[in-house]
Amino acid sequence: MTEYERSRTMPAQPEHVFDQAANVDQMGEWLPEELHVHADEPPAVTVHEDLRDEDTDALLRAEPDRMRLEWGTRDQGGYTGWLQVDATGGGASEVTVHLSFSDDRHDPGGQRVRDALDSSLRRLEDQVRLRVDTAAG
C-alpha cells in the first residue's frame, strides 16, 4: 500500500473550510483539474478522470460533526482518502488530505500525487478566501 499526505493552514474558521470542501457541486473548484465529481445517490458519486477519459464509481461520506470527508473507489477497492479540517486557533484551520493506494494501477506516482495534493490545497484555500471575503464584504 502506498500512502501520501499533505497539510496546509488556512486563514478561516474550520466550519467555513469544511463547508467549502464538502460541497460536491463545487469540488471541481479545488480538486485536481482533471477530476470531476458527480453526485449520484448519496453516498455514491462518479468521478470522471479526463486524462484517461474514464468514469469510476466511488463513495463520498461527509462527517460534519468531525469535519471530515472520506472517499474511495467502489468495487475495485484500490483507492481511498480522507480530508480532515482542524482548528488551529485565532480563526485559522489546518487541512490535511491523505490518500492510500492499495492497487498500484491507481497510483499515478509520488511526485505527481504530492504536486496534485499541494495544488488542490492551494485551490481550496483560494475558494475559502473568496467565500469568506464575499461574506464579509
N, C-alpha and C. Protein backbone atom coordinates (compact mmCIF):
# COMPACT_ATOMS: atom_id res chain seq x y z
N MET A 1 0.85 -1.17 0.00
CA MET A 1 0.00 0.00 0.00
C MET A 1 0.90 1.24 0.00
N THR A 2 0.56 2.19 -0.86
CA THR A 2 1.28 3.45 -0.94
C THR A 2 0.39 4.55 -0.38
N GLU A 3 0.96 5.39 0.49
CA GLU A 3 0.18 6.45 1.12
C GLU A 3 0.87 7.79 0.95
N TYR A 4 0.05 8.84 0.84
CA TYR A 4 0.53 10.21 0.70
C TYR A 4 -0.29 11.09 1.62
N GLU A 5 0.34 12.14 2.14
CA GLU A 5 -0.38 13.06 3.00
C GLU A 5 0.23 14.45 2.88
N ARG A 6 -0.63 15.45 2.82
CA ARG A 6 -0.21 16.85 2.77
C ARG A 6 -1.14 17.66 3.66
N SER A 7 -0.61 18.75 4.22
CA SER A 7 -1.40 19.65 5.07
C SER A 7 -1.16 21.09 4.67
N ARG A 8 -2.12 21.93 5.01
CA ARG A 8 -1.99 23.36 4.74
C ARG A 8 -2.83 24.13 5.76
N THR A 9 -2.28 25.21 6.26
CA THR A 9 -3.01 26.08 7.17
C THR A 9 -3.77 27.11 6.35
N MET A 10 -5.02 27.34 6.73
CA MET A 10 -5.88 28.28 6.01
C MET A 10 -6.44 29.31 6.98
N PRO A 11 -6.50 30.58 6.56
CA PRO A 11 -6.95 31.65 7.45
C PRO A 11 -8.47 31.78 7.49
N ALA A 12 -9.13 30.73 7.99
CA ALA A 12 -10.59 30.74 8.08
C ALA A 12 -11.02 29.75 9.16
N GLN A 13 -12.20 29.98 9.70
CA GLN A 13 -12.77 29.07 10.68
C GLN A 13 -12.91 27.67 10.07
N PRO A 14 -12.71 26.63 10.85
CA PRO A 14 -12.80 25.27 10.31
C PRO A 14 -14.15 24.96 9.67
N GLU A 15 -15.22 25.50 10.21
CA GLU A 15 -16.55 25.24 9.63
C GLU A 15 -16.66 25.78 8.21
N HIS A 16 -16.06 26.96 7.97
CA HIS A 16 -16.08 27.53 6.62
C HIS A 16 -15.28 26.67 5.65
N VAL A 17 -14.13 26.22 6.11
CA VAL A 17 -13.26 25.38 5.27
C VAL A 17 -13.97 24.07 4.95
N PHE A 18 -14.52 23.43 5.97
CA PHE A 18 -15.19 22.15 5.75
C PHE A 18 -16.37 22.30 4.82
N ASP A 19 -17.19 23.33 5.03
CA ASP A 19 -18.36 23.54 4.17
C ASP A 19 -17.94 23.68 2.71
N GLN A 20 -16.86 24.38 2.45
CA GLN A 20 -16.39 24.54 1.07
C GLN A 20 -15.88 23.22 0.52
N ALA A 21 -15.09 22.51 1.31
CA ALA A 21 -14.51 21.24 0.84
C ALA A 21 -15.59 20.19 0.59
N ALA A 22 -16.64 20.17 1.40
CA ALA A 22 -17.65 19.13 1.33
C ALA A 22 -18.75 19.41 0.30
N ASN A 23 -18.75 20.57 -0.31
CA ASN A 23 -19.79 20.92 -1.28
C ASN A 23 -19.50 20.21 -2.61
N VAL A 24 -20.22 19.13 -2.87
CA VAL A 24 -19.97 18.30 -4.06
C VAL A 24 -20.08 19.12 -5.34
N ASP A 25 -21.02 20.05 -5.38
CA ASP A 25 -21.21 20.86 -6.59
C ASP A 25 -20.05 21.80 -6.87
N GLN A 26 -19.22 22.07 -5.86
CA GLN A 26 -18.09 22.98 -6.05
C GLN A 26 -16.73 22.30 -5.91
N MET A 27 -16.71 20.98 -5.82
CA MET A 27 -15.43 20.28 -5.68
C MET A 27 -14.50 20.49 -6.86
N GLY A 28 -15.08 20.71 -8.02
CA GLY A 28 -14.27 20.96 -9.21
C GLY A 28 -13.43 22.22 -9.11
N GLU A 29 -13.80 23.10 -8.19
CA GLU A 29 -13.05 24.35 -8.00
C GLU A 29 -11.73 24.12 -7.26
N TRP A 30 -11.60 22.99 -6.57
CA TRP A 30 -10.37 22.78 -5.82
C TRP A 30 -9.71 21.42 -6.05
N LEU A 31 -10.44 20.45 -6.53
CA LEU A 31 -9.82 19.16 -6.85
C LEU A 31 -8.87 19.32 -8.03
N PRO A 32 -7.98 18.34 -8.25
CA PRO A 32 -7.15 18.41 -9.47
C PRO A 32 -8.04 18.65 -10.68
N GLU A 33 -7.56 19.49 -11.59
CA GLU A 33 -8.39 19.92 -12.72
C GLU A 33 -8.89 18.80 -13.59
N GLU A 34 -8.19 17.65 -13.58
CA GLU A 34 -8.62 16.55 -14.44
C GLU A 34 -9.67 15.65 -13.77
N LEU A 35 -10.06 15.95 -12.54
CA LEU A 35 -11.07 15.15 -11.84
C LEU A 35 -12.37 15.93 -11.69
N HIS A 36 -13.47 15.23 -11.94
CA HIS A 36 -14.80 15.84 -11.84
C HIS A 36 -15.71 14.89 -11.07
N VAL A 37 -16.32 15.38 -10.00
CA VAL A 37 -17.18 14.56 -9.15
C VAL A 37 -18.63 14.88 -9.47
N HIS A 38 -19.40 13.83 -9.70
CA HIS A 38 -20.84 13.97 -9.96
C HIS A 38 -21.59 13.17 -8.91
N ALA A 39 -22.49 13.83 -8.18
CA ALA A 39 -23.27 13.16 -7.14
C ALA A 39 -24.26 12.20 -7.78
N ASP A 40 -24.35 11.03 -7.22
CA ASP A 40 -25.35 10.05 -7.62
C ASP A 40 -26.34 9.96 -6.46
N GLU A 41 -26.60 8.79 -5.99
CA GLU A 41 -27.45 8.55 -4.83
C GLU A 41 -26.54 8.51 -3.61
N PRO A 42 -26.51 9.58 -2.78
CA PRO A 42 -25.54 9.64 -1.67
C PRO A 42 -25.53 8.36 -0.84
N PRO A 43 -24.35 7.88 -0.50
CA PRO A 43 -23.03 8.49 -0.63
C PRO A 43 -22.32 8.18 -1.96
N ALA A 44 -23.04 7.66 -2.93
CA ALA A 44 -22.43 7.28 -4.20
C ALA A 44 -22.14 8.51 -5.06
N VAL A 45 -20.96 8.52 -5.67
CA VAL A 45 -20.57 9.54 -6.63
C VAL A 45 -19.87 8.85 -7.79
N THR A 46 -19.79 9.57 -8.89
CA THR A 46 -18.99 9.13 -10.03
C THR A 46 -17.89 10.14 -10.22
N VAL A 47 -16.67 9.64 -10.37
CA VAL A 47 -15.52 10.50 -10.59
C VAL A 47 -15.06 10.30 -12.03
N HIS A 48 -15.03 11.39 -12.79
CA HIS A 48 -14.55 11.33 -14.17
C HIS A 48 -13.12 11.86 -14.19
N GLU A 49 -12.23 11.08 -14.79
CA GLU A 49 -10.83 11.49 -14.93
C GLU A 49 -10.56 11.80 -16.39
N ASP A 50 -10.25 13.06 -16.67
CA ASP A 50 -10.03 13.49 -18.05
C ASP A 50 -8.86 12.78 -18.72
N LEU A 51 -7.76 12.58 -17.98
CA LEU A 51 -6.55 12.01 -18.58
C LEU A 51 -6.80 10.65 -19.19
N ARG A 52 -7.62 9.84 -18.53
CA ARG A 52 -7.94 8.51 -19.06
C ARG A 52 -9.33 8.46 -19.67
N ASP A 53 -10.05 9.60 -19.66
CA ASP A 53 -11.43 9.67 -20.12
C ASP A 53 -12.23 8.49 -19.56
N GLU A 54 -12.18 8.39 -18.22
CA GLU A 54 -12.73 7.22 -17.55
C GLU A 54 -13.58 7.66 -16.36
N ASP A 55 -14.72 6.99 -16.19
CA ASP A 55 -15.57 7.19 -15.03
C ASP A 55 -15.32 6.08 -14.02
N THR A 56 -15.27 6.44 -12.75
CA THR A 56 -15.07 5.47 -11.68
C THR A 56 -16.16 5.66 -10.64
N ASP A 57 -16.79 4.56 -10.25
CA ASP A 57 -17.78 4.60 -9.19
C ASP A 57 -17.05 4.74 -7.87
N ALA A 58 -17.51 5.67 -7.04
CA ALA A 58 -16.87 5.92 -5.75
C ALA A 58 -17.90 6.22 -4.69
N LEU A 59 -17.43 6.27 -3.46
CA LEU A 59 -18.26 6.66 -2.32
C LEU A 59 -17.64 7.90 -1.70
N LEU A 60 -18.48 8.82 -1.25
CA LEU A 60 -18.03 10.04 -0.59
C LEU A 60 -18.91 10.26 0.63
N ARG A 61 -18.28 10.28 1.79
CA ARG A 61 -19.03 10.50 3.03
C ARG A 61 -18.52 11.75 3.72
N ALA A 62 -19.44 12.61 4.08
CA ALA A 62 -19.10 13.81 4.84
C ALA A 62 -19.56 13.61 6.28
N GLU A 63 -18.68 13.92 7.21
CA GLU A 63 -18.99 13.85 8.63
C GLU A 63 -18.80 15.24 9.22
N PRO A 64 -19.82 16.10 9.11
CA PRO A 64 -19.69 17.49 9.56
C PRO A 64 -19.32 17.63 11.04
N ASP A 65 -19.82 16.73 11.88
CA ASP A 65 -19.51 16.84 13.31
C ASP A 65 -18.03 16.59 13.59
N ARG A 66 -17.36 15.85 12.72
CA ARG A 66 -15.92 15.60 12.85
C ARG A 66 -15.10 16.44 11.88
N MET A 67 -15.80 17.19 10.99
CA MET A 67 -15.18 17.97 9.92
C MET A 67 -14.24 17.10 9.10
N ARG A 68 -14.80 16.01 8.62
CA ARG A 68 -14.02 15.01 7.89
C ARG A 68 -14.79 14.52 6.67
N LEU A 69 -14.08 14.39 5.57
CA LEU A 69 -14.58 13.75 4.36
C LEU A 69 -13.81 12.45 4.18
N GLU A 70 -14.50 11.40 3.74
CA GLU A 70 -13.84 10.14 3.41
C GLU A 70 -14.36 9.68 2.08
N TRP A 71 -13.48 9.09 1.26
CA TRP A 71 -13.89 8.64 -0.05
C TRP A 71 -13.09 7.41 -0.45
N GLY A 72 -13.57 6.76 -1.48
CA GLY A 72 -12.86 5.61 -2.01
C GLY A 72 -13.60 5.03 -3.19
N THR A 73 -12.90 4.23 -3.96
CA THR A 73 -13.50 3.58 -5.11
C THR A 73 -14.44 2.48 -4.63
N ARG A 74 -15.52 2.30 -5.37
CA ARG A 74 -16.44 1.20 -5.08
C ARG A 74 -15.97 0.01 -5.91
N ASP A 75 -16.25 -1.17 -5.43
CA ASP A 75 -15.98 -2.41 -6.13
C ASP A 75 -14.49 -2.68 -6.31
N GLN A 76 -13.72 -1.76 -6.94
CA GLN A 76 -12.32 -2.02 -7.21
C GLN A 76 -11.49 -2.06 -5.93
N GLY A 77 -11.79 -1.19 -4.96
CA GLY A 77 -11.09 -1.18 -3.69
C GLY A 77 -9.63 -0.76 -3.77
N GLY A 78 -9.22 -0.05 -4.82
CA GLY A 78 -7.82 0.29 -4.97
C GLY A 78 -7.41 1.64 -4.47
N TYR A 79 -8.37 2.45 -4.02
CA TYR A 79 -8.05 3.84 -3.70
C TYR A 79 -8.98 4.35 -2.62
N THR A 80 -8.41 4.96 -1.57
CA THR A 80 -9.21 5.61 -0.53
C THR A 80 -8.51 6.90 -0.12
N GLY A 81 -9.27 7.76 0.53
CA GLY A 81 -8.67 9.00 1.01
C GLY A 81 -9.56 9.67 2.03
N TRP A 82 -8.98 10.66 2.67
CA TRP A 82 -9.76 11.46 3.62
C TRP A 82 -9.20 12.86 3.66
N LEU A 83 -10.07 13.78 4.09
CA LEU A 83 -9.71 15.18 4.31
C LEU A 83 -10.21 15.52 5.70
N GLN A 84 -9.33 16.10 6.51
CA GLN A 84 -9.67 16.46 7.88
C GLN A 84 -9.39 17.94 8.08
N VAL A 85 -10.35 18.66 8.67
CA VAL A 85 -10.18 20.07 9.00
C VAL A 85 -10.12 20.19 10.51
N ASP A 86 -9.08 20.84 11.01
CA ASP A 86 -8.91 21.05 12.45
C ASP A 86 -8.67 22.53 12.74
N ALA A 87 -9.22 23.00 13.85
CA ALA A 87 -8.98 24.37 14.29
C ALA A 87 -7.55 24.49 14.81
N THR A 88 -6.91 25.60 14.48
CA THR A 88 -5.56 25.85 14.99
C THR A 88 -5.53 27.06 15.91
N GLY A 89 -6.67 27.71 16.09
CA GLY A 89 -6.75 28.88 16.96
C GLY A 89 -6.62 30.15 16.16
N GLY A 90 -7.12 31.24 16.71
CA GLY A 90 -7.01 32.53 16.05
C GLY A 90 -7.78 32.62 14.75
N GLY A 91 -8.80 31.79 14.57
CA GLY A 91 -9.60 31.85 13.35
C GLY A 91 -8.99 31.12 12.17
N ALA A 92 -7.98 30.32 12.41
CA ALA A 92 -7.32 29.57 11.32
C ALA A 92 -7.64 28.09 11.45
N SER A 93 -7.36 27.36 10.37
CA SER A 93 -7.61 25.92 10.31
C SER A 93 -6.45 25.23 9.64
N GLU A 94 -6.28 23.96 9.97
CA GLU A 94 -5.33 23.13 9.25
C GLU A 94 -6.12 22.06 8.52
N VAL A 95 -5.83 21.92 7.23
CA VAL A 95 -6.50 20.92 6.40
C VAL A 95 -5.45 19.87 6.03
N THR A 96 -5.78 18.62 6.29
CA THR A 96 -4.90 17.51 5.94
C THR A 96 -5.64 16.61 4.97
N VAL A 97 -4.97 16.24 3.89
CA VAL A 97 -5.51 15.30 2.91
C VAL A 97 -4.60 14.09 2.90
N HIS A 98 -5.21 12.90 2.95
CA HIS A 98 -4.47 11.64 2.98
C HIS A 98 -5.02 10.74 1.89
N LEU A 99 -4.15 10.16 1.10
CA LEU A 99 -4.54 9.22 0.04
C LEU A 99 -3.83 7.89 0.26
N SER A 100 -4.56 6.79 0.03
CA SER A 100 -4.00 5.44 0.12
C SER A 100 -4.32 4.69 -1.16
N PHE A 101 -3.31 4.08 -1.75
CA PHE A 101 -3.48 3.29 -2.96
C PHE A 101 -3.10 1.85 -2.64
N SER A 102 -4.10 0.97 -2.55
CA SER A 102 -3.81 -0.44 -2.29
C SER A 102 -3.53 -1.19 -3.58
N ASP A 103 -3.86 -0.57 -4.70
CA ASP A 103 -3.62 -1.15 -6.02
C ASP A 103 -2.72 -0.18 -6.79
N ASP A 104 -1.51 -0.62 -7.12
CA ASP A 104 -0.54 0.25 -7.79
C ASP A 104 -1.04 0.80 -9.13
N ARG A 105 -2.02 0.15 -9.73
CA ARG A 105 -2.55 0.65 -11.01
C ARG A 105 -3.26 1.98 -10.84
N HIS A 106 -3.71 2.28 -9.62
CA HIS A 106 -4.40 3.54 -9.36
C HIS A 106 -3.43 4.65 -8.94
N ASP A 107 -2.20 4.30 -8.58
CA ASP A 107 -1.22 5.26 -8.07
C ASP A 107 -0.48 5.91 -9.24
N PRO A 108 -0.68 7.22 -9.45
CA PRO A 108 0.00 7.90 -10.55
C PRO A 108 1.47 8.24 -10.27
N GLY A 109 1.94 7.95 -9.09
CA GLY A 109 3.35 8.22 -8.77
C GLY A 109 3.50 9.31 -7.76
N GLY A 110 4.54 9.18 -6.93
CA GLY A 110 4.75 10.05 -5.79
C GLY A 110 4.77 11.53 -6.07
N GLN A 111 5.64 11.96 -7.00
CA GLN A 111 5.76 13.40 -7.25
C GLN A 111 4.46 13.97 -7.81
N ARG A 112 3.84 13.23 -8.69
CA ARG A 112 2.58 13.70 -9.29
C ARG A 112 1.49 13.83 -8.23
N VAL A 113 1.41 12.86 -7.32
CA VAL A 113 0.39 12.92 -6.28
C VAL A 113 0.68 14.07 -5.31
N ARG A 114 1.91 14.22 -4.89
CA ARG A 114 2.26 15.32 -3.99
C ARG A 114 1.97 16.67 -4.62
N ASP A 115 2.32 16.83 -5.90
CA ASP A 115 2.03 18.09 -6.60
C ASP A 115 0.53 18.34 -6.68
N ALA A 116 -0.24 17.28 -6.98
CA ALA A 116 -1.70 17.42 -7.07
C ALA A 116 -2.30 17.78 -5.72
N LEU A 117 -1.81 17.16 -4.65
CA LEU A 117 -2.33 17.48 -3.31
C LEU A 117 -2.01 18.92 -2.94
N ASP A 118 -0.77 19.35 -3.18
CA ASP A 118 -0.39 20.74 -2.87
C ASP A 118 -1.24 21.72 -3.68
N SER A 119 -1.42 21.45 -4.95
CA SER A 119 -2.22 22.32 -5.81
C SER A 119 -3.68 22.35 -5.34
N SER A 120 -4.22 21.20 -5.00
CA SER A 120 -5.61 21.14 -4.54
C SER A 120 -5.80 21.92 -3.25
N LEU A 121 -4.85 21.80 -2.33
CA LEU A 121 -4.96 22.55 -1.08
C LEU A 121 -4.85 24.05 -1.32
N ARG A 122 -4.00 24.46 -2.25
CA ARG A 122 -3.91 25.90 -2.60
C ARG A 122 -5.23 26.38 -3.20
N ARG A 123 -5.79 25.59 -4.09
CA ARG A 123 -7.05 25.95 -4.73
C ARG A 123 -8.19 25.99 -3.73
N LEU A 124 -8.19 25.05 -2.77
CA LEU A 124 -9.21 25.07 -1.73
C LEU A 124 -9.07 26.34 -0.90
N GLU A 125 -7.84 26.70 -0.55
CA GLU A 125 -7.64 27.93 0.21
C GLU A 125 -8.14 29.15 -0.57
N ASP A 126 -7.89 29.18 -1.88
CA ASP A 126 -8.39 30.28 -2.71
C ASP A 126 -9.91 30.35 -2.65
N GLN A 127 -10.58 29.19 -2.73
CA GLN A 127 -12.04 29.16 -2.68
C GLN A 127 -12.56 29.60 -1.32
N VAL A 128 -11.87 29.17 -0.26
CA VAL A 128 -12.27 29.56 1.09
C VAL A 128 -12.10 31.06 1.26
N ARG A 129 -10.97 31.62 0.82
CA ARG A 129 -10.75 33.07 0.92
C ARG A 129 -11.82 33.83 0.16
N LEU A 130 -12.14 33.39 -1.04
CA LEU A 130 -13.15 34.04 -1.86
C LEU A 130 -14.50 34.03 -1.14
N ARG A 131 -14.85 32.91 -0.57
CA ARG A 131 -16.13 32.78 0.12
C ARG A 131 -16.17 33.66 1.37
N VAL A 132 -15.09 33.64 2.15
CA VAL A 132 -15.04 34.44 3.38
C VAL A 132 -15.03 35.92 3.04
N ASP A 133 -14.25 36.32 2.03
CA ASP A 133 -14.19 37.73 1.63
C ASP A 133 -15.54 38.21 1.11
N THR A 134 -16.24 37.37 0.34
CA THR A 134 -17.55 37.73 -0.19
C THR A 134 -18.57 37.88 0.94
N ALA A 135 -18.51 36.98 1.92
CA ALA A 135 -19.44 37.04 3.04
C ALA A 135 -19.17 38.26 3.91
N ALA A 136 -17.90 38.65 4.02
CA ALA A 136 -17.54 39.81 4.86
C ALA A 136 -17.84 41.13 4.19
N GLY A 137 -17.82 41.14 2.83
CA GLY A 137 -17.97 42.40 2.11
C GLY A 137 -19.31 42.59 1.61
